[in-house]
C-alpha cells in the first residue's frame, strides 16, 4: 500500500476454512483514506483462496483507492 497515490490506513485479516475438505483462506482488508482528511472507507473480502496465495484483498484495496484518487481531488 506504500505505492498508492493517497496515504491510506487499514487492517487486514485472514480466516482459515475448509471447502469440501480442502484448506482455503478467506481474506479481508478494511481501511480508509486519505489519512490526513478521510473521505472514503472501503472493505474488501476475498473468499476461498489457496492458503499460500498472496493477500489479494490488500492489492484490491490499493487499486480501489488509486481509482478513487484519480477521479476526485483530495
C-alpha atoms as a PDB file:
ATOM      1  CA  UNK A   1       0.000   0.000   0.000  1.00  0.00           C
ATOM      2  CA  UNK A   2       3.001   2.290   0.089  1.00  0.00           C
ATOM      3  CA  UNK A   3       2.606   2.843  -3.652  1.00  0.00           C
ATOM      4  CA  UNK A   4      -0.979   4.183  -3.518  1.00  0.00           C
ATOM      5  CA  UNK A   5      -1.497   7.772  -4.652  1.00  0.00           C
ATOM      6  CA  UNK A   6      -3.058   8.736  -1.307  1.00  0.00           C
ATOM      7  CA  UNK A   7      -1.767   7.761   2.134  1.00  0.00           C
ATOM      8  CA  UNK A   8      -4.152   5.098   3.441  1.00  0.00           C
ATOM      9  CA  UNK A   9      -4.560   3.113   6.649  1.00  0.00           C
ATOM     10  CA  UNK A  10      -6.301  -0.122   7.495  1.00  0.00           C
ATOM     11  CA  UNK A  11      -6.219  -3.630   8.887  1.00  0.00           C
ATOM     12  CA  UNK A  12      -6.032  -6.984   7.140  1.00  0.00           C
ATOM     13  CA  UNK A  13      -7.358 -10.315   8.268  1.00  0.00           C
ATOM     14  CA  UNK A  14      -7.318 -13.961   7.247  1.00  0.00           C
ATOM     15  CA  UNK A  15      -9.602 -16.807   8.278  1.00  0.00           C
ATOM     16  CA  UNK A  16      -8.696 -20.418   7.629  1.00  0.00           C
ATOM     17  CA  UNK A  17     -11.544 -22.604   6.399  1.00  0.00           C
ATOM     18  CA  UNK A  18     -12.295 -25.897   4.678  1.00  0.00           C
ATOM     19  CA  UNK A  19     -14.205 -26.139   1.409  1.00  0.00           C
ATOM     20  CA  UNK A  20     -15.206 -29.735   0.639  1.00  0.00           C
ATOM     21  CA  UNK A  21     -12.317 -30.909   2.820  1.00  0.00           C
ATOM     22  CA  UNK A  22      -9.734 -28.665   1.112  1.00  0.00           C
ATOM     23  CA  UNK A  23      -7.911 -25.975   3.112  1.00  0.00           C
ATOM     24  CA  UNK A  24      -8.799 -22.484   1.912  1.00  0.00           C
ATOM     25  CA  UNK A  25      -8.464 -18.933   3.238  1.00  0.00           C
ATOM     26  CA  UNK A  26     -10.847 -16.016   3.379  1.00  0.00           C
ATOM     27  CA  UNK A  27      -9.032 -12.673   3.274  1.00  0.00           C
ATOM     28  CA  UNK A  28     -10.205  -9.155   4.022  1.00  0.00           C
ATOM     29  CA  UNK A  29      -8.909  -5.631   4.312  1.00  0.00           C
ATOM     30  CA  UNK A  30     -10.770  -2.690   5.822  1.00  0.00           C
ATOM     31  CA  UNK A  31      -9.328   0.790   5.582  1.00  0.00           C
ATOM     32  CA  UNK A  32      -9.766   4.465   4.868  1.00  0.00           C
ATOM     33  CA  UNK A  33      -8.070   7.367   3.167  1.00  0.00           C
ATOM     34  CA  UNK A  34      -6.626   9.795   2.608  1.00  0.00           C
ATOM     35  CA  UNK A  35      -5.250   9.512   6.129  1.00  0.00           C
ATOM     36  CA  UNK A  36      -4.977  13.266   6.821  1.00  0.00           C
ATOM     37  CA  UNK A  37      -8.522  14.065   5.648  1.00  0.00           C
ATOM     38  CA  UNK A  38     -10.501  10.806   5.355  1.00  0.00           C
ATOM     39  CA  UNK A  39     -13.098  10.791   2.593  1.00  0.00           C
ATOM     40  CA  UNK A  40     -13.631   7.099   1.950  1.00  0.00           C
ATOM     41  CA  UNK A  41     -13.838   3.862   3.896  1.00  0.00           C
ATOM     42  CA  UNK A  42     -13.559   0.619   1.932  1.00  0.00           C
ATOM     43  CA  UNK A  43     -13.904  -3.035   2.877  1.00  0.00           C
ATOM     44  CA  UNK A  44     -12.663  -5.800   0.575  1.00  0.00           C
ATOM     45  CA  UNK A  45     -13.299  -9.527   1.081  1.00  0.00           C
ATOM     46  CA  UNK A  46     -11.823 -12.355  -0.990  1.00  0.00           C
ATOM     47  CA  UNK A  47     -13.155 -15.840  -0.307  1.00  0.00           C
ATOM     48  CA  UNK A  48     -11.794 -19.340  -0.821  1.00  0.00           C
ATOM     49  CA  UNK A  49      -8.231 -18.649  -1.947  1.00  0.00           C
ATOM     50  CA  UNK A  50      -5.337 -21.068  -1.620  1.00  0.00           C
ATOM     51  CA  UNK A  51      -3.570 -20.802   1.761  1.00  0.00           C
ATOM     52  CA  UNK A  52      -0.243 -19.913   0.114  1.00  0.00           C
ATOM     53  CA  UNK A  53      -1.671 -17.201  -2.160  1.00  0.00           C
ATOM     54  CA  UNK A  54      -0.738 -13.536  -1.718  1.00  0.00           C
ATOM     55  CA  UNK A  55      -3.174 -11.335   0.189  1.00  0.00           C
ATOM     56  CA  UNK A  56      -5.427 -10.293  -2.696  1.00  0.00           C
ATOM     57  CA  UNK A  57      -7.710  -8.116  -0.552  1.00  0.00           C
ATOM     58  CA  UNK A  58      -4.828  -5.724   0.180  1.00  0.00           C
ATOM     59  CA  UNK A  59      -3.954  -5.464  -3.508  1.00  0.00           C
ATOM     60  CA  UNK A  60      -7.591  -4.802  -4.466  1.00  0.00           C
ATOM     61  CA  UNK A  61      -7.935  -2.181  -1.719  1.00  0.00           C
ATOM     62  CA  UNK A  62      -4.916  -0.320  -3.117  1.00  0.00           C
ATOM     63  CA  UNK A  63      -6.322  -0.467  -6.644  1.00  0.00           C
ATOM     64  CA  UNK A  64      -9.688   0.874  -5.465  1.00  0.00           C
ATOM     65  CA  UNK A  65      -8.015   3.818  -3.736  1.00  0.00           C
ATOM     66  CA  UNK A  66      -5.897   4.564  -6.791  1.00  0.00           C
ATOM     67  CA  UNK A  67      -9.107   4.731  -8.837  1.00  0.00           C
ATOM     68  CA  UNK A  68     -10.737   6.991  -6.255  1.00  0.00           C
ATOM     69  CA  UNK A  69      -7.737   9.312  -6.132  1.00  0.00           C
ATOM     70  CA  UNK A  70      -7.611   9.621  -9.919  1.00  0.00           C
ATOM     71  CA  UNK A  71     -11.310  10.503 -10.147  1.00  0.00           C
ATOM     72  CA  UNK A  72     -11.530  13.014  -7.257  1.00  0.00           C
ATOM     73  CA  UNK A  73      -9.448  15.694  -5.605  1.00  0.00           C
ATOM     74  CA  UNK A  74      -8.001  15.012  -2.144  1.00  0.00           C
END
